[in-house]
Amino acid sequence: MTIVSYALLTRRADVPVQDFRRHWQEVHAPLVSELPGLTAYVQHLPVAVEPPPPYDGVAELWFEDLDALRAAARSAAWAEMRADESRFIDRQRTAGIAVAPSPVPVPDPRPVGGVGLLGVMHRRPDLTRPAYLEHWRGRHGTLAARLPGLRAYVHGVPVDLGSDPPFDGVSHLWFDTIDELRAAFHTGVGREVRADEGEFVDATRSFALLLHEHAFVPRPS
């Protein structure tokens, strides 16, 4: 079972945005790319919006399975990567989640890349986890897959790492351009999707990030 580890990064308060990005891309990325068992590594930078996004970047790391992720976490390369994080990341305000990705069929699929919308979700407190998953993967997934211009759509369900995950799931949607993404959510289908989110998502604790991506180790095709 493929595992994708998402890290939602917050820069250190004493590190300017451009220095954070430079270090992440030029110094940290080569360290991550050397992790044993890593099959893909993608960095996501948030698009400038108001209010500002809650995180300064998102890292996406792929492994073949949980055993590969755990083996990487025991490696010297992982220790070196973690040591470097303290140079530019505020770990107290950074979150991570490991998920099993599940692609959702879309009418006009294209290779992913470019512009993505990452939804980071908490379920409504009155819903059980099975009821939340059933609605998300059923009715909501079918609705969202009809968004005009959607090129790829993936559900990420948290995997058991021995502790409660910080979120109940992530959804990743890709479009060719920011304008097409924004236009999609102003259509009738887009309004249905937004309205349906309230049926299973706790909007007060959930958020979405509009992202540009750069693949240092491309995702498996």
N, C-alpha and C. Protein backbone atom coordinates (compact mmCIF):
# COMPACT_ATOMS: atom_id res chain seq x y z
N MET A 1 0.84 -1.20 0.00
CA MET A 1 0.00 0.00 0.00
C MET A 1 0.88 1.25 0.00
N THR A 2 0.75 2.06 -1.03
CA THR A 2 1.52 3.31 -1.12
C THR A 2 1.18 4.24 0.05
N ILE A 3 2.19 4.88 0.58
CA ILE A 3 2.01 5.84 1.67
C ILE A 3 2.54 7.20 1.22
N VAL A 4 1.75 8.23 1.47
CA VAL A 4 2.18 9.60 1.20
C VAL A 4 2.22 10.35 2.53
N SER A 5 3.36 10.91 2.83
CA SER A 5 3.53 11.70 4.06
C SER A 5 3.50 13.18 3.69
N TYR A 6 2.53 13.90 4.24
CA TYR A 6 2.43 15.35 4.04
C TYR A 6 2.98 16.06 5.27
N ALA A 7 3.85 17.02 5.06
CA ALA A 7 4.34 17.88 6.14
C ALA A 7 3.92 19.31 5.84
N LEU A 8 3.15 19.91 6.72
CA LEU A 8 2.68 21.28 6.58
C LEU A 8 3.62 22.17 7.39
N LEU A 9 4.41 22.95 6.69
CA LEU A 9 5.56 23.63 7.28
C LEU A 9 5.28 25.09 7.62
N THR A 10 5.78 25.49 8.79
CA THR A 10 5.78 26.89 9.19
C THR A 10 7.23 27.32 9.40
N ARG A 11 7.60 28.43 8.79
CA ARG A 11 8.99 28.89 8.91
C ARG A 11 9.26 29.46 10.30
N ARG A 12 10.50 29.44 10.69
CA ARG A 12 10.90 30.08 11.93
C ARG A 12 10.63 31.58 11.84
N ALA A 13 10.24 32.18 12.95
CA ALA A 13 9.87 33.59 12.96
C ALA A 13 11.03 34.49 12.56
N ASP A 14 12.26 34.04 12.78
CA ASP A 14 13.42 34.87 12.44
C ASP A 14 13.95 34.59 11.03
N VAL A 15 13.24 33.77 10.27
CA VAL A 15 13.67 33.44 8.91
C VAL A 15 12.71 34.10 7.91
N PRO A 16 13.17 35.06 7.11
CA PRO A 16 12.30 35.69 6.11
C PRO A 16 11.78 34.67 5.10
N VAL A 17 10.65 35.00 4.48
CA VAL A 17 10.01 34.09 3.54
C VAL A 17 10.97 33.63 2.45
N GLN A 18 11.68 34.57 1.82
CA GLN A 18 12.56 34.20 0.72
C GLN A 18 13.72 33.32 1.19
N ASP A 19 14.22 33.57 2.40
CA ASP A 19 15.29 32.72 2.94
C ASP A 19 14.77 31.32 3.24
N PHE A 20 13.55 31.25 3.77
CA PHE A 20 12.91 29.95 4.02
C PHE A 20 12.80 29.15 2.73
N ARG A 21 12.31 29.78 1.68
CA ARG A 21 12.12 29.08 0.41
C ARG A 21 13.46 28.68 -0.20
N ARG A 22 14.43 29.56 -0.12
CA ARG A 22 15.75 29.25 -0.69
C ARG A 22 16.38 28.05 0.02
N HIS A 23 16.32 28.06 1.34
CA HIS A 23 16.92 26.95 2.08
C HIS A 23 16.16 25.65 1.81
N TRP A 24 14.85 25.73 1.80
CA TRP A 24 14.02 24.54 1.57
C TRP A 24 14.33 23.91 0.21
N GLN A 25 14.43 24.76 -0.81
CA GLN A 25 14.62 24.25 -2.17
C GLN A 25 16.07 23.89 -2.48
N GLU A 26 17.01 24.68 -1.99
CA GLU A 26 18.40 24.49 -2.40
C GLU A 26 19.23 23.64 -1.44
N VAL A 27 18.88 23.65 -0.17
CA VAL A 27 19.66 22.90 0.83
C VAL A 27 18.90 21.67 1.31
N HIS A 28 17.64 21.87 1.70
CA HIS A 28 16.88 20.78 2.31
C HIS A 28 16.43 19.74 1.29
N ALA A 29 15.99 20.18 0.12
CA ALA A 29 15.48 19.24 -0.88
C ALA A 29 16.49 18.15 -1.24
N PRO A 30 17.77 18.48 -1.47
CA PRO A 30 18.73 17.41 -1.76
C PRO A 30 18.87 16.39 -0.62
N LEU A 31 18.71 16.84 0.63
CA LEU A 31 18.78 15.91 1.76
C LEU A 31 17.59 14.96 1.75
N VAL A 32 16.39 15.50 1.52
CA VAL A 32 15.19 14.66 1.48
C VAL A 32 15.28 13.67 0.33
N SER A 33 15.78 14.12 -0.80
CA SER A 33 15.83 13.27 -1.99
C SER A 33 16.72 12.05 -1.81
N GLU A 34 17.59 12.07 -0.79
CA GLU A 34 18.49 10.95 -0.53
C GLU A 34 17.91 9.93 0.44
N LEU A 35 16.69 10.13 0.92
CA LEU A 35 16.10 9.19 1.87
C LEU A 35 15.97 7.81 1.23
N PRO A 36 16.35 6.75 1.93
CA PRO A 36 16.19 5.41 1.37
C PRO A 36 14.71 5.06 1.23
N GLY A 37 14.35 4.45 0.12
CA GLY A 37 12.97 4.02 -0.09
C GLY A 37 12.04 5.10 -0.59
N LEU A 38 12.52 6.34 -0.72
CA LEU A 38 11.67 7.43 -1.21
C LEU A 38 11.37 7.21 -2.70
N THR A 39 10.09 7.27 -3.06
CA THR A 39 9.72 7.09 -4.47
C THR A 39 9.25 8.37 -5.13
N ALA A 40 8.95 9.41 -4.35
CA ALA A 40 8.59 10.71 -4.92
C ALA A 40 8.74 11.77 -3.84
N TYR A 41 9.07 12.99 -4.28
CA TYR A 41 9.21 14.11 -3.35
C TYR A 41 8.79 15.37 -4.09
N VAL A 42 7.74 16.02 -3.56
CA VAL A 42 7.18 17.21 -4.18
C VAL A 42 7.08 18.31 -3.14
N GLN A 43 7.53 19.51 -3.50
CA GLN A 43 7.34 20.69 -2.65
C GLN A 43 6.20 21.53 -3.20
N HIS A 44 5.40 22.08 -2.30
CA HIS A 44 4.28 22.93 -2.68
C HIS A 44 4.44 24.29 -1.99
N LEU A 45 4.40 25.35 -2.78
CA LEU A 45 4.42 26.70 -2.24
C LEU A 45 3.03 27.31 -2.33
N PRO A 46 2.55 27.93 -1.25
CA PRO A 46 1.21 28.52 -1.28
C PRO A 46 1.13 29.73 -2.20
N VAL A 47 -0.01 29.84 -2.86
CA VAL A 47 -0.31 31.01 -3.67
C VAL A 47 -0.67 32.16 -2.73
N ALA A 48 -0.21 33.36 -3.04
CA ALA A 48 -0.51 34.52 -2.21
C ALA A 48 -2.00 34.84 -2.25
N VAL A 49 -2.65 34.76 -1.12
CA VAL A 49 -4.08 35.06 -1.00
C VAL A 49 -4.29 35.84 0.29
N GLU A 50 -5.48 36.41 0.42
CA GLU A 50 -5.89 37.08 1.65
C GLU A 50 -7.11 36.36 2.22
N PRO A 51 -7.10 36.04 3.52
CA PRO A 51 -5.97 36.17 4.45
C PRO A 51 -4.84 35.22 4.10
N PRO A 52 -3.63 35.48 4.59
CA PRO A 52 -2.49 34.63 4.25
C PRO A 52 -2.73 33.18 4.66
N PRO A 53 -2.19 32.22 3.92
CA PRO A 53 -2.36 30.81 4.27
C PRO A 53 -1.71 30.49 5.61
N PRO A 54 -2.23 29.47 6.32
CA PRO A 54 -1.72 29.17 7.66
C PRO A 54 -0.35 28.50 7.67
N TYR A 55 0.14 28.06 6.50
CA TYR A 55 1.45 27.40 6.44
C TYR A 55 2.28 28.01 5.31
N ASP A 56 3.60 27.87 5.44
CA ASP A 56 4.53 28.45 4.47
C ASP A 56 4.91 27.49 3.35
N GLY A 57 4.52 26.24 3.47
CA GLY A 57 4.83 25.27 2.44
C GLY A 57 4.33 23.90 2.84
N VAL A 58 4.21 23.03 1.85
CA VAL A 58 3.80 21.65 2.09
C VAL A 58 4.78 20.72 1.39
N ALA A 59 5.31 19.76 2.12
CA ALA A 59 6.18 18.74 1.55
C ALA A 59 5.38 17.44 1.40
N GLU A 60 5.58 16.77 0.29
CA GLU A 60 4.86 15.53 -0.02
C GLU A 60 5.90 14.44 -0.34
N LEU A 61 5.96 13.43 0.52
CA LEU A 61 6.94 12.35 0.37
C LEU A 61 6.22 11.03 0.16
N TRP A 62 6.64 10.28 -0.85
CA TRP A 62 6.01 9.00 -1.19
C TRP A 62 6.93 7.84 -0.83
N PHE A 63 6.31 6.77 -0.30
CA PHE A 63 7.01 5.52 -0.03
C PHE A 63 6.14 4.35 -0.50
N GLU A 64 6.76 3.22 -0.76
CA GLU A 64 6.01 2.07 -1.27
C GLU A 64 5.02 1.54 -0.26
N ASP A 65 5.38 1.61 1.02
CA ASP A 65 4.50 1.09 2.07
C ASP A 65 4.97 1.62 3.42
N LEU A 66 4.25 1.23 4.47
CA LEU A 66 4.59 1.70 5.82
C LEU A 66 5.96 1.22 6.26
N ASP A 67 6.31 0.00 5.89
CA ASP A 67 7.62 -0.52 6.27
C ASP A 67 8.74 0.34 5.68
N ALA A 68 8.56 0.78 4.43
CA ALA A 68 9.57 1.62 3.79
C ALA A 68 9.67 2.97 4.49
N LEU A 69 8.53 3.54 4.89
CA LEU A 69 8.55 4.81 5.63
C LEU A 69 9.25 4.65 6.97
N ARG A 70 8.94 3.57 7.68
CA ARG A 70 9.56 3.35 8.99
C ARG A 70 11.06 3.10 8.86
N ALA A 71 11.45 2.38 7.81
CA ALA A 71 12.88 2.14 7.60
C ALA A 71 13.61 3.45 7.30
N ALA A 72 12.98 4.31 6.50
CA ALA A 72 13.58 5.61 6.20
C ALA A 72 13.75 6.43 7.47
N ALA A 73 12.75 6.36 8.36
CA ALA A 73 12.80 7.15 9.59
C ALA A 73 13.90 6.68 10.55
N ARG A 74 14.42 5.48 10.32
CA ARG A 74 15.52 4.98 11.17
C ARG A 74 16.89 5.23 10.54
N SER A 75 16.92 5.83 9.37
CA SER A 75 18.17 5.96 8.63
C SER A 75 18.97 7.19 9.05
N ALA A 76 20.26 7.17 8.71
CA ALA A 76 21.12 8.33 8.95
C ALA A 76 20.68 9.51 8.11
N ALA A 77 20.18 9.24 6.90
CA ALA A 77 19.71 10.32 6.03
C ALA A 77 18.53 11.05 6.65
N TRP A 78 17.65 10.31 7.33
CA TRP A 78 16.50 10.92 8.00
C TRP A 78 16.99 11.81 9.15
N ALA A 79 17.94 11.33 9.92
CA ALA A 79 18.47 12.12 11.03
C ALA A 79 19.10 13.41 10.52
N GLU A 80 19.79 13.33 9.40
CA GLU A 80 20.40 14.53 8.81
C GLU A 80 19.33 15.50 8.33
N MET A 81 18.27 14.96 7.72
CA MET A 81 17.16 15.80 7.27
C MET A 81 16.50 16.50 8.45
N ARG A 82 16.26 15.76 9.52
CA ARG A 82 15.60 16.33 10.69
C ARG A 82 16.47 17.41 11.34
N ALA A 83 17.76 17.18 11.38
CA ALA A 83 18.66 18.18 11.96
C ALA A 83 18.61 19.47 11.16
N ASP A 84 18.51 19.35 9.85
CA ASP A 84 18.48 20.54 9.01
C ASP A 84 17.18 21.32 9.18
N GLU A 85 16.09 20.63 9.51
CA GLU A 85 14.80 21.32 9.66
C GLU A 85 14.87 22.45 10.68
N SER A 86 15.64 22.25 11.73
CA SER A 86 15.70 23.27 12.79
C SER A 86 16.32 24.57 12.31
N ARG A 87 16.96 24.55 11.16
CA ARG A 87 17.60 25.76 10.63
C ARG A 87 16.61 26.72 9.98
N PHE A 88 15.41 26.21 9.63
CA PHE A 88 14.47 27.10 8.94
C PHE A 88 13.00 26.84 9.26
N ILE A 89 12.70 25.77 9.97
CA ILE A 89 11.31 25.39 10.26
C ILE A 89 11.02 25.54 11.75
N ASP A 90 9.82 26.05 12.07
CA ASP A 90 9.31 26.09 13.44
C ASP A 90 8.55 24.79 13.67
N ARG A 91 9.17 23.84 14.34
CA ARG A 91 8.55 22.53 14.50
C ARG A 91 7.31 22.58 15.38
N GLN A 92 7.24 23.54 16.29
CA GLN A 92 6.07 23.64 17.16
C GLN A 92 4.82 24.03 16.38
N ARG A 93 4.99 24.64 15.23
CA ARG A 93 3.84 25.08 14.42
C ARG A 93 3.81 24.36 13.07
N THR A 94 4.40 23.19 13.03
CA THR A 94 4.41 22.37 11.83
C THR A 94 3.64 21.09 12.11
N ALA A 95 2.88 20.61 11.13
CA ALA A 95 2.05 19.41 11.31
C ALA A 95 2.38 18.40 10.22
N GLY A 96 2.14 17.13 10.53
CA GLY A 96 2.39 16.09 9.54
C GLY A 96 1.33 15.01 9.61
N ILE A 97 1.09 14.37 8.48
CA ILE A 97 0.12 13.28 8.42
C ILE A 97 0.53 12.31 7.32
N ALA A 98 0.41 11.02 7.59
CA ALA A 98 0.68 9.99 6.59
C ALA A 98 -0.65 9.40 6.14
N VAL A 99 -0.83 9.29 4.84
CA VAL A 99 -2.11 8.84 4.29
C VAL A 99 -1.90 7.76 3.24
N ALA A 100 -2.96 7.00 3.02
CA ALA A 100 -3.02 6.07 1.89
C ALA A 100 -3.79 6.77 0.78
N PRO A 101 -3.14 7.10 -0.34
CA PRO A 101 -3.83 7.84 -1.40
C PRO A 101 -4.78 6.95 -2.19
N SER A 102 -5.94 7.51 -2.51
CA SER A 102 -6.94 6.79 -3.29
C SER A 102 -7.42 7.69 -4.42
N PRO A 103 -6.96 7.47 -5.66
CA PRO A 103 -7.38 8.32 -6.78
C PRO A 103 -8.88 8.18 -7.05
N VAL A 104 -9.51 9.30 -7.37
CA VAL A 104 -10.92 9.34 -7.74
C VAL A 104 -11.00 9.59 -9.24
N PRO A 105 -11.72 8.75 -10.00
CA PRO A 105 -11.81 8.97 -11.44
C PRO A 105 -12.46 10.32 -11.77
N VAL A 106 -11.90 11.03 -12.76
CA VAL A 106 -12.45 12.30 -13.22
C VAL A 106 -12.70 12.20 -14.72
N PRO A 107 -13.62 13.02 -15.27
CA PRO A 107 -14.00 12.90 -16.68
C PRO A 107 -12.87 13.15 -17.67
N ASP A 108 -11.98 14.11 -17.37
CA ASP A 108 -10.94 14.48 -18.33
C ASP A 108 -9.58 14.50 -17.64
N PRO A 109 -9.04 13.32 -17.29
CA PRO A 109 -7.80 13.29 -16.52
C PRO A 109 -6.60 13.76 -17.33
N ARG A 110 -5.67 14.39 -16.62
CA ARG A 110 -4.40 14.83 -17.20
C ARG A 110 -3.29 14.54 -16.18
N PRO A 111 -2.04 14.52 -16.60
CA PRO A 111 -0.95 14.38 -15.62
C PRO A 111 -1.00 15.50 -14.59
N VAL A 112 -0.79 15.14 -13.32
CA VAL A 112 -0.88 16.15 -12.27
C VAL A 112 0.33 17.07 -12.32
N GLY A 113 0.16 18.23 -11.72
CA GLY A 113 1.22 19.23 -11.70
C GLY A 113 0.62 20.61 -11.79
N GLY A 114 1.45 21.60 -11.62
CA GLY A 114 0.96 22.97 -11.77
C GLY A 114 0.27 23.47 -10.53
N VAL A 115 -1.06 23.53 -10.57
CA VAL A 115 -1.84 24.15 -9.50
C VAL A 115 -2.67 23.10 -8.77
N GLY A 116 -2.55 23.09 -7.47
CA GLY A 116 -3.31 22.14 -6.68
C GLY A 116 -4.08 22.81 -5.56
N LEU A 117 -5.15 22.17 -5.14
CA LEU A 117 -5.91 22.60 -3.97
C LEU A 117 -5.86 21.45 -2.97
N LEU A 118 -5.25 21.70 -1.84
CA LEU A 118 -5.13 20.68 -0.80
C LEU A 118 -6.11 21.00 0.31
N GLY A 119 -7.11 20.16 0.47
CA GLY A 119 -8.07 20.31 1.55
C GLY A 119 -7.64 19.49 2.75
N VAL A 120 -7.51 20.13 3.90
CA VAL A 120 -7.07 19.47 5.13
C VAL A 120 -8.27 19.47 6.07
N MET A 121 -8.77 18.27 6.40
CA MET A 121 -10.11 18.18 6.96
C MET A 121 -10.16 17.55 8.35
N HIS A 122 -11.07 18.09 9.16
CA HIS A 122 -11.52 17.47 10.39
C HIS A 122 -12.99 17.09 10.19
N ARG A 123 -13.35 15.91 10.64
CA ARG A 123 -14.76 15.52 10.50
C ARG A 123 -15.62 16.25 11.53
N ARG A 124 -16.90 16.35 11.22
CA ARG A 124 -17.84 16.92 12.18
C ARG A 124 -17.85 16.08 13.45
N PRO A 125 -17.88 16.72 14.62
CA PRO A 125 -17.79 15.95 15.87
C PRO A 125 -18.96 15.02 16.11
N ASP A 126 -20.09 15.26 15.44
CA ASP A 126 -21.25 14.40 15.63
C ASP A 126 -21.25 13.19 14.70
N LEU A 127 -20.22 13.05 13.87
CA LEU A 127 -20.14 11.92 12.95
C LEU A 127 -19.08 10.93 13.42
N THR A 128 -19.41 9.66 13.30
CA THR A 128 -18.40 8.64 13.54
C THR A 128 -17.41 8.65 12.37
N ARG A 129 -16.24 8.08 12.59
CA ARG A 129 -15.26 8.03 11.51
C ARG A 129 -15.79 7.24 10.31
N PRO A 130 -16.44 6.08 10.52
CA PRO A 130 -16.98 5.37 9.35
C PRO A 130 -18.02 6.18 8.58
N ALA A 131 -18.89 6.92 9.29
CA ALA A 131 -19.90 7.73 8.61
C ALA A 131 -19.25 8.87 7.83
N TYR A 132 -18.24 9.48 8.43
CA TYR A 132 -17.50 10.54 7.74
C TYR A 132 -16.85 10.01 6.47
N LEU A 133 -16.16 8.88 6.56
CA LEU A 133 -15.49 8.31 5.40
C LEU A 133 -16.49 7.90 4.32
N GLU A 134 -17.62 7.35 4.74
CA GLU A 134 -18.63 6.93 3.76
C GLU A 134 -19.15 8.13 2.96
N HIS A 135 -19.41 9.24 3.65
CA HIS A 135 -19.92 10.41 2.94
C HIS A 135 -18.84 11.02 2.04
N TRP A 136 -17.64 11.14 2.57
CA TRP A 136 -16.53 11.74 1.80
C TRP A 136 -16.23 10.94 0.54
N ARG A 137 -16.08 9.63 0.69
CA ARG A 137 -15.69 8.79 -0.44
C ARG A 137 -16.87 8.47 -1.36
N GLY A 138 -18.07 8.68 -0.85
CA GLY A 138 -19.25 8.39 -1.66
C GLY A 138 -19.82 9.63 -2.31
N ARG A 139 -20.82 10.23 -1.69
CA ARG A 139 -21.52 11.36 -2.29
C ARG A 139 -20.56 12.52 -2.62
N HIS A 140 -19.71 12.90 -1.66
CA HIS A 140 -18.89 14.08 -1.90
C HIS A 140 -17.85 13.84 -2.99
N GLY A 141 -17.23 12.68 -2.97
CA GLY A 141 -16.25 12.38 -4.00
C GLY A 141 -16.85 12.39 -5.39
N THR A 142 -18.06 11.85 -5.51
CA THR A 142 -18.75 11.84 -6.81
C THR A 142 -19.06 13.26 -7.28
N LEU A 143 -19.49 14.11 -6.35
CA LEU A 143 -19.78 15.51 -6.68
C LEU A 143 -18.52 16.24 -7.13
N ALA A 144 -17.47 16.17 -6.33
CA ALA A 144 -16.25 16.92 -6.61
C ALA A 144 -15.59 16.47 -7.91
N ALA A 145 -15.73 15.21 -8.25
CA ALA A 145 -15.12 14.70 -9.49
C ALA A 145 -15.73 15.35 -10.73
N ARG A 146 -16.89 15.97 -10.58
CA ARG A 146 -17.56 16.62 -11.72
C ARG A 146 -17.16 18.09 -11.88
N LEU A 147 -16.28 18.60 -11.04
CA LEU A 147 -15.87 20.01 -11.16
C LEU A 147 -15.27 20.26 -12.55
N PRO A 148 -15.72 21.31 -13.24
CA PRO A 148 -15.17 21.61 -14.56
C PRO A 148 -13.67 21.89 -14.50
N GLY A 149 -12.93 21.31 -15.42
CA GLY A 149 -11.49 21.57 -15.48
C GLY A 149 -10.64 20.75 -14.54
N LEU A 150 -11.27 19.89 -13.72
CA LEU A 150 -10.51 19.08 -12.77
C LEU A 150 -9.68 18.04 -13.53
N ARG A 151 -8.38 18.00 -13.27
CA ARG A 151 -7.48 17.10 -14.00
C ARG A 151 -7.13 15.84 -13.22
N ALA A 152 -7.13 15.92 -11.90
CA ALA A 152 -6.86 14.76 -11.05
C ALA A 152 -7.41 15.05 -9.66
N TYR A 153 -7.76 13.97 -8.95
CA TYR A 153 -8.41 14.12 -7.65
C TYR A 153 -8.03 12.89 -6.82
N VAL A 154 -7.49 13.14 -5.63
CA VAL A 154 -7.03 12.05 -4.76
C VAL A 154 -7.54 12.27 -3.34
N HIS A 155 -8.09 11.22 -2.74
CA HIS A 155 -8.41 11.21 -1.32
C HIS A 155 -7.23 10.62 -0.56
N GLY A 156 -6.88 11.22 0.57
CA GLY A 156 -5.83 10.69 1.43
C GLY A 156 -6.39 10.35 2.79
N VAL A 157 -6.53 9.06 3.07
CA VAL A 157 -7.09 8.60 4.35
C VAL A 157 -5.93 8.30 5.30
N PRO A 158 -5.96 8.85 6.52
CA PRO A 158 -4.84 8.64 7.46
C PRO A 158 -4.58 7.17 7.74
N VAL A 159 -3.31 6.83 7.89
CA VAL A 159 -2.93 5.46 8.26
C VAL A 159 -2.52 5.44 9.72
N ASP A 160 -2.59 4.28 10.31
CA ASP A 160 -2.31 4.12 11.74
C ASP A 160 -0.80 4.09 11.98
N LEU A 161 -0.31 5.12 12.64
CA LEU A 161 1.11 5.18 13.01
C LEU A 161 1.30 5.04 14.52
N GLY A 162 0.24 4.60 15.20
CA GLY A 162 0.34 4.40 16.64
C GLY A 162 -0.13 5.56 17.48
N SER A 163 -0.54 6.66 16.85
CA SER A 163 -1.08 7.81 17.58
C SER A 163 -2.17 8.45 16.72
N ASP A 164 -3.01 9.25 17.35
CA ASP A 164 -4.09 9.89 16.61
C ASP A 164 -3.53 10.89 15.61
N PRO A 165 -3.98 10.83 14.35
CA PRO A 165 -3.50 11.81 13.36
C PRO A 165 -4.04 13.20 13.67
N PRO A 166 -3.34 14.25 13.26
CA PRO A 166 -3.79 15.61 13.55
C PRO A 166 -5.00 16.03 12.72
N PHE A 167 -5.27 15.31 11.63
CA PHE A 167 -6.41 15.61 10.76
C PHE A 167 -7.11 14.30 10.40
N ASP A 168 -8.33 14.42 9.88
CA ASP A 168 -9.09 13.23 9.51
C ASP A 168 -8.98 12.87 8.04
N GLY A 169 -8.25 13.66 7.28
CA GLY A 169 -8.05 13.34 5.87
C GLY A 169 -7.60 14.54 5.09
N VAL A 170 -7.06 14.26 3.91
CA VAL A 170 -6.71 15.33 2.98
C VAL A 170 -7.28 14.98 1.61
N SER A 171 -7.71 16.00 0.90
CA SER A 171 -8.13 15.82 -0.49
C SER A 171 -7.24 16.70 -1.35
N HIS A 172 -6.80 16.17 -2.48
CA HIS A 172 -5.88 16.89 -3.36
C HIS A 172 -6.50 16.94 -4.74
N LEU A 173 -6.73 18.16 -5.23
CA LEU A 173 -7.34 18.38 -6.54
C LEU A 173 -6.38 19.21 -7.39
N TRP A 174 -6.29 18.86 -8.68
CA TRP A 174 -5.39 19.57 -9.58
C TRP A 174 -6.14 20.18 -10.76
N PHE A 175 -5.72 21.39 -11.12
CA PHE A 175 -6.25 22.11 -12.28
C PHE A 175 -5.07 22.64 -13.09
N ASP A 176 -5.35 23.03 -14.34
CA ASP A 176 -4.28 23.56 -15.19
C ASP A 176 -3.80 24.93 -14.73
N THR A 177 -4.75 25.78 -14.29
CA THR A 177 -4.41 27.14 -13.89
C THR A 177 -5.21 27.55 -12.66
N ILE A 178 -4.74 28.60 -12.00
CA ILE A 178 -5.47 29.14 -10.85
C ILE A 178 -6.83 29.65 -11.28
N ASP A 179 -6.89 30.33 -12.42
CA ASP A 179 -8.17 30.87 -12.89
C ASP A 179 -9.18 29.75 -13.11
N GLU A 180 -8.75 28.62 -13.67
CA GLU A 180 -9.68 27.52 -13.90
C GLU A 180 -10.14 26.91 -12.57
N LEU A 181 -9.24 26.83 -11.61
CA LEU A 181 -9.62 26.32 -10.30
C LEU A 181 -10.67 27.21 -9.66
N ARG A 182 -10.41 28.50 -9.67
CA ARG A 182 -11.36 29.43 -9.05
C ARG A 182 -12.70 29.42 -9.78
N ALA A 183 -12.65 29.36 -11.11
CA ALA A 183 -13.88 29.36 -11.90
C ALA A 183 -14.71 28.11 -11.59
N ALA A 184 -14.05 26.98 -11.37
CA ALA A 184 -14.77 25.72 -11.13
C ALA A 184 -15.66 25.82 -9.90
N PHE A 185 -15.18 26.52 -8.87
CA PHE A 185 -15.96 26.60 -7.64
C PHE A 185 -17.03 27.69 -7.69
N HIS A 186 -17.12 28.42 -8.81
CA HIS A 186 -18.20 29.38 -9.00
C HIS A 186 -19.28 28.84 -9.93
N THR A 187 -19.15 27.58 -10.33
CA THR A 187 -20.19 26.94 -11.14
C THR A 187 -21.23 26.30 -10.23
N GLY A 188 -22.30 25.81 -10.84
CA GLY A 188 -23.32 25.12 -10.06
C GLY A 188 -22.76 23.91 -9.33
N VAL A 189 -21.91 23.16 -10.01
CA VAL A 189 -21.28 22.00 -9.37
C VAL A 189 -20.41 22.45 -8.21
N GLY A 190 -19.65 23.51 -8.42
CA GLY A 190 -18.78 24.02 -7.36
C GLY A 190 -19.57 24.44 -6.13
N ARG A 191 -20.72 25.07 -6.35
CA ARG A 191 -21.55 25.47 -5.21
C ARG A 191 -22.11 24.24 -4.49
N GLU A 192 -22.46 23.20 -5.24
CA GLU A 192 -22.92 21.96 -4.61
C GLU A 192 -21.82 21.34 -3.75
N VAL A 193 -20.62 21.34 -4.28
CA VAL A 193 -19.49 20.78 -3.55
C VAL A 193 -19.28 21.53 -2.24
N ARG A 194 -19.29 22.85 -2.31
CA ARG A 194 -19.06 23.65 -1.10
C ARG A 194 -20.17 23.42 -0.08
N ALA A 195 -21.41 23.36 -0.56
CA ALA A 195 -22.53 23.14 0.36
C ALA A 195 -22.45 21.76 1.01
N ASP A 196 -22.02 20.77 0.24
CA ASP A 196 -21.97 19.41 0.77
C ASP A 196 -20.88 19.24 1.81
N GLU A 197 -19.85 20.06 1.78
CA GLU A 197 -18.78 19.95 2.77
C GLU A 197 -19.32 20.04 4.19
N GLY A 198 -20.35 20.87 4.37
CA GLY A 198 -20.92 21.03 5.69
C GLY A 198 -21.61 19.80 6.23
N GLU A 199 -21.87 18.82 5.36
CA GLU A 199 -22.53 17.59 5.78
C GLU A 199 -21.58 16.62 6.50
N PHE A 200 -20.27 16.83 6.36
CA PHE A 200 -19.36 15.87 7.00
C PHE A 200 -18.07 16.51 7.53
N VAL A 201 -17.78 17.76 7.15
CA VAL A 201 -16.54 18.43 7.55
C VAL A 201 -16.83 19.50 8.61
N ASP A 202 -15.95 19.58 9.61
CA ASP A 202 -16.01 20.65 10.60
C ASP A 202 -15.28 21.86 10.02
N ALA A 203 -16.05 22.81 9.50
CA ALA A 203 -15.46 23.96 8.80
C ALA A 203 -14.61 24.83 9.73
N THR A 204 -14.89 24.81 11.03
CA THR A 204 -14.14 25.67 11.95
C THR A 204 -12.71 25.18 12.16
N ARG A 205 -12.44 23.91 11.85
CA ARG A 205 -11.10 23.35 12.07
C ARG A 205 -10.45 22.84 10.78
N SER A 206 -11.11 23.04 9.66
CA SER A 206 -10.59 22.57 8.38
C SER A 206 -10.20 23.76 7.52
N PHE A 207 -9.34 23.51 6.54
CA PHE A 207 -8.89 24.61 5.67
C PHE A 207 -8.40 24.03 4.36
N ALA A 208 -8.22 24.91 3.39
CA ALA A 208 -7.70 24.51 2.08
C ALA A 208 -6.52 25.40 1.72
N LEU A 209 -5.55 24.82 1.04
CA LEU A 209 -4.36 25.54 0.60
C LEU A 209 -4.29 25.51 -0.92
N LEU A 210 -4.14 26.68 -1.51
CA LEU A 210 -3.95 26.82 -2.95
C LEU A 210 -2.45 26.81 -3.21
N LEU A 211 -1.98 25.87 -4.03
CA LEU A 211 -0.55 25.58 -4.09
C LEU A 211 0.01 25.49 -5.51
N HIS A 212 1.25 25.95 -5.66
CA HIS A 212 2.07 25.65 -6.83
C HIS A 212 3.05 24.55 -6.43
N GLU A 213 3.32 23.61 -7.32
CA GLU A 213 4.19 22.51 -6.93
C GLU A 213 5.44 22.40 -7.79
N HIS A 214 6.46 21.80 -7.17
CA HIS A 214 7.71 21.50 -7.87
C HIS A 214 8.16 20.12 -7.44
N ALA A 215 8.27 19.21 -8.40
CA ALA A 215 8.66 17.83 -8.11
C ALA A 215 10.17 17.67 -8.18
N PHE A 216 10.79 17.35 -7.04
CA PHE A 216 12.22 17.06 -7.02
C PHE A 216 12.47 15.60 -7.39
N VAL A 217 11.58 14.72 -6.93
CA VAL A 217 11.55 13.32 -7.37
C VAL A 217 10.13 13.09 -7.87
N PRO A 218 9.91 12.99 -9.18
CA PRO A 218 8.54 12.93 -9.73
C PRO A 218 7.74 11.75 -9.18
N ARG A 219 6.44 11.96 -9.06
CA ARG A 219 5.54 10.90 -8.62
C ARG A 219 5.56 9.74 -9.62
N PRO A 220 5.31 8.53 -9.13
CA PRO A 220 5.21 7.39 -10.06
C PRO A 220 4.07 7.62 -11.05
N SER A 221 4.30 7.28 -12.30
CA SER A 221 3.26 7.49 -13.33
C SER A 221 2.22 6.38 -13.26
